[in-house]
C-alpha atoms as a PDB file:
ATOM      1  CA  MET A   1      11.573   4.039 -43.648  1.00  0.00           C
ATOM      2  CA  PHE A   2       9.650   6.207 -41.173  1.00  0.00           C
ATOM      3  CA  PRO A   3       9.232   9.927 -41.920  1.00  0.00           C
ATOM      4  CA  GLN A   4      11.494  12.272 -39.972  1.00  0.00           C
ATOM      5  CA  ARG A   5       8.763  14.877 -39.510  1.00  0.00           C
ATOM      6  CA  LEU A   6       5.178  14.436 -38.341  1.00  0.00           C
ATOM      7  CA  ASP A   7       3.526  16.988 -40.608  1.00  0.00           C
ATOM      8  CA  SER A   8       0.182  15.359 -41.358  1.00  0.00           C
ATOM      9  CA  THR A   9      -2.860  17.232 -40.058  1.00  0.00           C
ATOM     10  CA  VAL A  10      -4.973  14.065 -39.740  1.00  0.00           C
ATOM     11  CA  ALA A  11      -2.519  11.337 -38.690  1.00  0.00           C
ATOM     12  CA  TYR A  12      -2.909  11.871 -34.943  1.00  0.00           C
ATOM     13  CA  ALA A  13      -6.709  12.021 -35.176  1.00  0.00           C
ATOM     14  CA  ILE A  14      -6.748   8.734 -37.102  1.00  0.00           C
ATOM     15  CA  ALA A  15      -4.454   7.096 -34.546  1.00  0.00           C
ATOM     16  CA  LYS A  16      -6.623   8.383 -31.681  1.00  0.00           C
ATOM     17  CA  ALA A  17      -9.780   7.066 -33.354  1.00  0.00           C
ATOM     18  CA  MET A  18      -8.158   3.648 -33.719  1.00  0.00           C
ATOM     19  CA  MET A  19      -7.140   3.626 -30.054  1.00  0.00           C
ATOM     20  CA  ASP A  20     -10.673   4.676 -29.106  1.00  0.00           C
ATOM     21  CA  GLY A  21     -11.944   1.726 -31.137  1.00  0.00           C
ATOM     22  CA  PHE A  22      -9.659  -0.674 -29.311  1.00  0.00           C
ATOM     23  CA  ASN A  23     -10.559   0.742 -25.900  1.00  0.00           C
ATOM     24  CA  ARG A  24     -14.249   0.306 -26.699  1.00  0.00           C
ATOM     25  CA  HIS A  25     -13.629  -3.292 -27.767  1.00  0.00           C
ATOM     26  CA  TYR A  26     -11.627  -4.105 -24.640  1.00  0.00           C
ATOM     27  CA  ARG A  27     -14.117  -2.403 -22.297  1.00  0.00           C
ATOM     28  CA  LEU A  28     -17.050  -4.339 -23.787  1.00  0.00           C
ATOM     29  CA  PHE A  29     -15.044  -7.566 -23.748  1.00  0.00           C
ATOM     30  CA  ARG A  30     -14.187  -7.148 -20.055  1.00  0.00           C
ATOM     31  CA  THR A  31     -17.824  -6.437 -19.241  1.00  0.00           C
ATOM     32  CA  GLU A  32     -18.906  -9.560 -21.091  1.00  0.00           C
ATOM     33  CA  SER A  33     -16.237 -11.594 -19.321  1.00  0.00           C
ATOM     34  CA  ALA A  34     -17.595 -10.465 -15.949  1.00  0.00           C
ATOM     35  CA  ARG A  35     -21.059 -11.591 -17.017  1.00  0.00           C
ATOM     36  CA  ALA A  36     -19.650 -15.016 -17.870  1.00  0.00           C
ATOM     37  CA  LYS A  37     -18.634 -15.452 -14.230  1.00  0.00           C
ATOM     38  CA  HIS A  38     -22.118 -14.471 -13.085  1.00  0.00           C
ATOM     39  CA  ARG A  39     -23.759 -16.871 -15.549  1.00  0.00           C
ATOM     40  CA  PHE A  40     -21.544 -19.677 -14.257  1.00  0.00           C
ATOM     41  CA  GLU A  41     -22.434 -18.908 -10.645  1.00  0.00           C
ATOM     42  CA  THR A  42     -26.167 -18.848 -11.430  1.00  0.00           C
ATOM     43  CA  ARG A  43     -25.953 -21.930 -13.692  1.00  0.00           C
ATOM     44  CA  ASP A  44     -27.312 -20.033 -16.706  1.00  0.00           C
ATOM     45  CA  TRP A  45     -25.990 -22.584 -19.195  1.00  0.00           C
ATOM     46  CA  ARG A  46     -28.164 -21.475 -22.118  1.00  0.00           C
ATOM     47  CA  GLY A  47     -27.074 -17.898 -21.638  1.00  0.00           C
ATOM     48  CA  GLN A  48     -23.453 -19.044 -21.483  1.00  0.00           C
ATOM     49  CA  GLN A  49     -23.733 -20.908 -24.781  1.00  0.00           C
ATOM     50  CA  ARG A  50     -25.492 -17.973 -26.454  1.00  0.00           C
ATOM     51  CA  ALA A  51     -22.787 -15.571 -25.279  1.00  0.00           C
ATOM     52  CA  GLN A  52     -20.071 -17.901 -26.610  1.00  0.00           C
ATOM     53  CA  ARG A  53     -21.670 -17.874 -30.068  1.00  0.00           C
ATOM     54  CA  GLU A  54     -21.929 -14.080 -30.022  1.00  0.00           C
ATOM     55  CA  ARG A  55     -18.349 -13.685 -28.812  1.00  0.00           C
ATOM     56  CA  ILE A  56     -17.061 -15.348 -31.991  1.00  0.00           C
ATOM     57  CA  GLU A  57     -18.204 -12.267 -33.947  1.00  0.00           C
ATOM     58  CA  PHE A  58     -17.374  -9.789 -31.199  1.00  0.00           C
ATOM     59  CA  TYR A  59     -13.896  -8.776 -32.380  1.00  0.00           C
ATOM     60  CA  ASP A  60     -14.833  -8.442 -36.063  1.00  0.00           C
ATOM     61  CA  LEU A  61     -17.786  -6.196 -35.163  1.00  0.00           C
ATOM     62  CA  ARG A  62     -15.550  -3.771 -33.267  1.00  0.00           C
ATOM     63  CA  VAL A  63     -12.953  -3.750 -36.079  1.00  0.00           C
ATOM     64  CA  ASN A  64     -15.630  -3.039 -38.689  1.00  0.00           C
ATOM     65  CA  GLU A  65     -17.080  -0.230 -36.546  1.00  0.00           C
ATOM     66  CA  CYS A  66     -13.658   1.404 -36.411  1.00  0.00           C
ATOM     67  CA  VAL A  67     -13.098   0.976 -40.159  1.00  0.00           C
ATOM     68  CA  MET A  68     -16.457   2.610 -40.913  1.00  0.00           C
ATOM     69  CA  ARG A  69     -15.627   5.545 -38.641  1.00  0.00           C
ATOM     70  CA  LEU A  70     -12.253   6.102 -40.338  1.00  0.00           C
ATOM     71  CA  HIS A  71     -13.857   5.976 -43.785  1.00  0.00           C
ATOM     72  CA  LYS A  72     -16.586   8.409 -42.770  1.00  0.00           C
ATOM     73  CA  GLU A  73     -14.535  10.959 -40.816  1.00  0.00           C
ATOM     74  CA  PHE A  74     -11.138  10.821 -42.517  1.00  0.00           C
ATOM     75  CA  LYS A  75     -11.636   9.176 -45.926  1.00  0.00           C
ATOM     76  CA  ALA A  76      -9.016   6.759 -44.672  1.00  0.00           C
ATOM     77  CA  GLU A  77      -8.764   4.744 -47.869  1.00  0.00           C
ATOM     78  CA  GLN A  78      -7.639   7.886 -49.739  1.00  0.00           C
ATOM     79  CA  GLN A  79      -4.817   8.798 -47.352  1.00  0.00           C
ATOM     80  CA  PRO A  80      -1.310   8.346 -48.830  1.00  0.00           C
ATOM     81  CA  MET A  81       1.195   5.891 -47.393  1.00  0.00           C
ATOM     82  CA  ASP A  82       3.309   8.588 -45.727  1.00  0.00           C
ATOM     83  CA  VAL A  83       0.255   9.573 -43.675  1.00  0.00           C
ATOM     84  CA  TRP A  84      -0.244   5.954 -42.590  1.00  0.00           C
ATOM     85  CA  GLU A  85       3.395   5.803 -41.533  1.00  0.00           C
ATOM     86  CA  GLN A  86       2.740   8.812 -39.305  1.00  0.00           C
ATOM     87  CA  VAL A  87      -0.483   7.231 -38.015  1.00  0.00           C
ATOM     88  CA  LYS A  88       1.551   4.291 -36.763  1.00  0.00           C
ATOM     89  CA  LEU A  89       4.094   6.570 -35.045  1.00  0.00           C
ATOM     90  CA  HIS A  90       1.314   8.458 -33.258  1.00  0.00           C
ATOM     91  CA  TYR A  91      -0.295   5.148 -32.267  1.00  0.00           C
ATOM     92  CA  ILE A  92       2.996   3.988 -30.745  1.00  0.00           C
ATOM     93  CA  GLY A  93       2.928   7.145 -28.626  1.00  0.00           C
ATOM     94  CA  LEU A  94      -0.582   6.295 -27.450  1.00  0.00           C
ATOM     95  CA  LEU A  95       0.591   2.807 -26.432  1.00  0.00           C
ATOM     96  CA  VAL A  96       2.807   4.218 -23.677  1.00  0.00           C
ATOM     97  CA  ASN A  97      -0.041   4.386 -21.140  1.00  0.00           C
ATOM     98  CA  GLN A  98      -1.959   1.437 -22.592  1.00  0.00           C
ATOM     99  CA  HIS A  99      -2.046  -1.597 -20.290  1.00  0.00           C
ATOM    100  CA  GLN A 100      -2.792  -4.016 -23.146  1.00  0.00           C
ATOM    101  CA  PRO A 101      -0.343  -2.786 -25.821  1.00  0.00           C
ATOM    102  CA  GLU A 102       0.046  -6.057 -27.721  1.00  0.00           C
ATOM    103  CA  LEU A 103      -3.731  -6.455 -28.045  1.00  0.00           C
ATOM    104  CA  ALA A 104      -3.959  -2.817 -29.138  1.00  0.00           C
ATOM    105  CA  GLU A 105      -1.303  -3.459 -31.798  1.00  0.00           C
ATOM    106  CA  THR A 106      -3.275  -6.445 -33.097  1.00  0.00           C
ATOM    107  CA  PHE A 107      -6.393  -4.273 -33.309  1.00  0.00           C
ATOM    108  CA  PHE A 108      -4.419  -1.644 -35.255  1.00  0.00           C
ATOM    109  CA  ASN A 109      -3.228  -4.316 -37.696  1.00  0.00           C
ATOM    110  CA  SER A 110      -6.763  -5.642 -38.205  1.00  0.00           C
ATOM    111  CA  VAL A 111      -8.099  -2.184 -39.034  1.00  0.00           C
ATOM    112  CA  CYS A 112      -5.155  -1.291 -41.294  1.00  0.00           C
ATOM    113  CA  THR A 113      -5.325  -4.451 -43.377  1.00  0.00           C
ATOM    114  CA  LYS A 114      -9.005  -3.821 -44.075  1.00  0.00           C
ATOM    115  CA  ILE A 115      -8.412  -0.230 -45.173  1.00  0.00           C
ATOM    116  CA  LEU A 116      -5.126  -0.409 -47.058  1.00  0.00           C
ATOM    117  CA  GLN A 117      -5.921  -3.671 -48.887  1.00  0.00           C
ATOM    118  CA  ARG A 118      -2.312  -4.267 -49.880  1.00  0.00           C
ATOM    119  CA  ALA A 119      -1.038  -7.568 -51.207  1.00  0.00           C
ATOM    120  CA  TYR A 120       1.768  -7.392 -48.642  1.00  0.00           C
ATOM    121  CA  PHE A 121       2.570  -5.385 -45.529  1.00  0.00           C
ATOM    122  CA  GLN A 122       5.769  -4.326 -43.849  1.00  0.00           C
ATOM    123  CA  ASN A 123       6.688  -2.977 -40.438  1.00  0.00           C
ATOM    124  CA  ASP A 124       6.340   0.641 -41.608  1.00  0.00           C
ATOM    125  CA  PHE A 125       2.552   0.273 -41.804  1.00  0.00           C
ATOM    126  CA  ILE A 126       1.591  -2.440 -39.317  1.00  0.00           C
ATOM    127  CA  PHE A 127       3.098  -4.016 -36.195  1.00  0.00           C
ATOM    128  CA  VAL A 128       5.216  -6.949 -37.337  1.00  0.00           C
ATOM    129  CA  ARG A 129       7.178  -6.779 -34.061  1.00  0.00           C
ATOM    130  CA  PRO A 130       5.891  -5.442 -30.720  1.00  0.00           C
ATOM    131  CA  ALA A 131       6.671  -1.743 -30.316  1.00  0.00           C
ATOM    132  CA  VAL A 132       6.241  -1.675 -26.525  1.00  0.00           C
ATOM    133  CA  SER A 133       7.579  -4.222 -24.059  1.00  0.00           C
ATOM    134  CA  THR A 134       4.881  -5.651 -21.785  1.00  0.00           C
ATOM    135  CA  GLU A 135       7.315  -7.242 -19.353  1.00  0.00           C
ATOM    136  CA  TYR A 136       7.018  -4.537 -16.693  1.00  0.00           C
ATOM    137  CA  ILE A 137       3.603  -3.048 -17.422  1.00  0.00           C
ATOM    138  CA  GLU A 138       1.332  -2.692 -14.390  1.00  0.00           C
ATOM    139  CA  ASN A 139      -2.257  -1.538 -14.175  1.00  0.00           C
ATOM    140  CA  GLU A 140      -2.552   1.557 -12.005  1.00  0.00           C
ATOM    141  CA  GLU A 141      -6.327   1.343 -11.522  1.00  0.00           C
ATOM    142  CA  PRO A 142      -7.092   0.706  -7.829  1.00  0.00           C
ATOM    143  CA  GLN A 143      -9.865  -1.772  -8.602  1.00  0.00           C
ATOM    144  CA  ALA A 144      -7.841  -3.742 -11.136  1.00  0.00           C
ATOM    145  CA  ALA A 145      -6.885  -7.328 -10.390  1.00  0.00           C
ATOM    146  CA  PRO A 146      -3.340  -8.533 -11.108  1.00  0.00           C
ATOM    147  CA  THR A 147      -2.870 -10.438 -14.345  1.00  0.00           C
ATOM    148  CA  TYR A 148      -1.707 -13.459 -12.363  1.00  0.00           C
ATOM    149  CA  ARG A 149      -1.159 -14.506  -8.759  1.00  0.00           C
ATOM    150  CA  CYS A 150       1.922 -16.222  -7.350  1.00  0.00           C
ATOM    151  CA  TYR A 151       1.925 -18.890  -4.661  1.00  0.00           C
ATOM    152  CA  TYR A 152       5.115 -20.112  -2.968  1.00  0.00           C
ATOM    153  CA  PRO A 153       4.297 -23.440  -1.312  1.00  0.00           C
ATOM    154  CA  THR A 154       6.668 -25.584   0.674  1.00  0.00           C
ATOM    155  CA  ALA A 155       6.457 -29.358   0.804  1.00  0.00           C
ATOM    156  CA  ASP A 156       4.360 -29.016   3.979  1.00  0.00           C
ATOM    157  CA  SER A 157       2.048 -26.199   2.821  1.00  0.00           C
ATOM    158  CA  MET A 158       1.356 -27.513  -0.685  1.00  0.00           C
ATOM    159  CA  GLU A 159      -2.246 -28.585  -0.103  1.00  0.00           C
ATOM    160  CA  GLY A 160      -3.113 -25.419   1.784  1.00  0.00           C
ATOM    161  CA  GLU A 161      -1.730 -23.213  -1.005  1.00  0.00           C
ATOM    162  CA  VAL A 162      -3.708 -25.070  -3.669  1.00  0.00           C
ATOM    163  CA  LEU A 163      -6.840 -24.609  -1.560  1.00  0.00           C
ATOM    164  CA  ARG A 164      -6.083 -20.883  -1.188  1.00  0.00           C
ATOM    165  CA  MET A 165      -5.564 -20.668  -4.944  1.00  0.00           C
ATOM    166  CA  LEU A 166      -9.099 -21.993  -5.533  1.00  0.00           C
ATOM    167  CA  GLN A 167     -10.596 -19.731  -2.866  1.00  0.00           C
ATOM    168  CA  ASP A 168      -8.948 -16.613  -4.317  1.00  0.00           C
ATOM    169  CA  PHE A 169     -11.224 -16.769  -7.374  1.00  0.00           C
ATOM    170  CA  GLY A 170     -14.112 -15.823  -5.093  1.00  0.00           C
ATOM    171  CA  LEU A 171     -16.767 -17.909  -6.810  1.00  0.00           C
ATOM    172  CA  ARG A 172     -20.176 -17.230  -5.289  1.00  0.00           C
ATOM    173  CA  VAL A 173     -21.329 -20.792  -5.696  1.00  0.00           C
ATOM    174  CA  PRO A 174     -20.799 -23.615  -3.173  1.00  0.00           C
ATOM    175  CA  PHE A 175     -18.343 -26.446  -3.690  1.00  0.00           C
ATOM    176  CA  GLU A 176     -19.460 -29.930  -2.740  1.00  0.00           C
ATOM    177  CA  ASP A 177     -16.105 -30.482  -1.023  1.00  0.00           C
ATOM    178  CA  GLN A 178     -13.495 -27.834  -1.793  1.00  0.00           C
ATOM    179  CA  ALA A 179     -10.753 -29.411   0.321  1.00  0.00           C
ATOM    180  CA  ARG A 180     -11.185 -32.696  -1.540  1.00  0.00           C
ATOM    181  CA  ASP A 181     -11.032 -30.849  -4.866  1.00  0.00           C
ATOM    182  CA  ALA A 182      -7.809 -29.146  -3.801  1.00  0.00           C
ATOM    183  CA  ARG A 183      -6.292 -32.554  -2.997  1.00  0.00           C
ATOM    184  CA  LEU A 184      -7.353 -33.861  -6.426  1.00  0.00           C
ATOM    185  CA  VAL A 185      -5.784 -30.863  -8.165  1.00  0.00           C
ATOM    186  CA  LEU A 186      -2.594 -31.360  -6.181  1.00  0.00           C
ATOM    187  CA  SER A 187      -2.451 -35.078  -6.993  1.00  0.00           C
ATOM    188  CA  ALA A 188      -2.653 -34.206 -10.714  1.00  0.00           C
ATOM    189  CA  MET A 189       0.101 -31.591 -10.375  1.00  0.00           C
ATOM    190  CA  LYS A 190       2.585 -33.466  -8.204  1.00  0.00           C
ATOM    191  CA  PRO A 191       3.963 -35.865 -10.850  1.00  0.00           C
ATOM    192  CA  HIS A 192       5.308 -32.797 -12.671  1.00  0.00           C
ATOM    193  CA  PHE A 193       7.505 -31.650  -9.766  1.00  0.00           C
ATOM    194  CA  ASP A 194       7.971 -34.684  -7.523  1.00  0.00           C
ATOM    195  CA  HIS A 195      11.379 -35.345  -9.083  1.00  0.00           C
ATOM    196  CA  VAL A 196      12.789 -31.858  -8.368  1.00  0.00           C
ATOM    197  CA  LYS A 197      14.069 -30.202  -5.208  1.00  0.00           C
ATOM    198  CA  LEU A 198      11.691 -27.479  -4.015  1.00  0.00           C
ATOM    199  CA  ARG A 199      13.854 -24.362  -3.842  1.00  0.00           C
ATOM    200  CA  ALA A 200      12.930 -21.006  -2.324  1.00  0.00           C
ATOM    201  CA  ASN A 201      11.568 -19.631  -5.587  1.00  0.00           C
ATOM    202  CA  PHE A 202       9.403 -22.678  -6.375  1.00  0.00           C
ATOM    203  CA  GLN A 203       5.994 -21.241  -7.280  1.00  0.00           C
ATOM    204  CA  PHE A 204       2.620 -21.592  -8.938  1.00  0.00           C
ATOM    205  CA  GLN A 205       1.648 -18.730 -11.250  1.00  0.00           C
ATOM    206  CA  VAL A 206      -2.093 -18.671 -11.926  1.00  0.00           C
ATOM    207  CA  LEU A 207      -4.051 -16.266 -14.124  1.00  0.00           C
ATOM    208  CA  SER A 208      -6.394 -14.255 -11.908  1.00  0.00           C
ATOM    209  CA  GLY A 209      -9.364 -14.728 -14.257  1.00  0.00           C
ATOM    210  CA  LEU A 210     -11.155 -17.999 -14.895  1.00  0.00           C
ATOM    211  CA  PHE A 211     -11.866 -19.222 -18.432  1.00  0.00           C
ATOM    212  CA  PHE A 212     -15.482 -20.269 -18.930  1.00  0.00           C
ATOM    213  CA  ARG A 213     -16.782 -22.685 -21.519  1.00  0.00           C
ATOM    214  CA  ASN A 214     -20.168 -24.418 -21.416  1.00  0.00           C
ATOM    215  CA  LYS A 215     -20.576 -25.718 -17.846  1.00  0.00           C
ATOM    216  CA  GLY A 216     -16.869 -25.548 -17.020  1.00  0.00           C
ATOM    217  CA  ALA A 217     -14.619 -22.958 -15.369  1.00  0.00           C
ATOM    218  CA  TYR A 218     -10.916 -23.479 -16.084  1.00  0.00           C
ATOM    219  CA  VAL A 219      -7.959 -22.377 -13.979  1.00  0.00           C
ATOM    220  CA  VAL A 220      -4.894 -21.636 -16.135  1.00  0.00           C
ATOM    221  CA  GLY A 221      -1.429 -21.503 -14.648  1.00  0.00           C
ATOM    222  CA  LYS A 222       2.090 -22.868 -14.628  1.00  0.00           C
ATOM    223  CA  ILE A 223       4.563 -24.403 -12.212  1.00  0.00           C
ATOM    224  CA  ILE A 224       8.006 -22.776 -11.919  1.00  0.00           C
END
């Protein structure tokens, strides 16, 4: 059961340090993701493979950095459970303006489980259920790209919309024949919706970022 009063003198500072740790992780991850696009465009395959190996340890490094900071500045492992309950409440408050709340909750859980070292956990101490709905969250930064793009093709504009979808990724590397590739993508997609009537809200939803692995760049989306 959560405390009714927030009377700890260190709970907010601990929560803020944990959010700072997540923000650092996410900022570095986004920077590295942008470099992956550049490596793909310049065909730096060795660099791409090296970055993939390093990325496996990326998350754990940031979690361990945060744990070390909490031990050093707050003696986190010595804080009683009622303080940790208040830490979580303060962290929920910090999630209000966070554009990646579910990832931030996962980061909080990773740090907590390393510090508290309990045989079991409950929702009072970690996030068992999401505390903030992400359904309507938007990024207010002017330079930020949308999480996904929507395309509303008709039966006649299908090929053109698939071509526009590929062009919207803005890859600075030439295609051998982009129009042909669009037709091939469409031919692979069509069996999944050929048997349905295309209504006004028929759409493709496509994540605005590509996923890179080895020499490949993957478009991820869904048909609605």
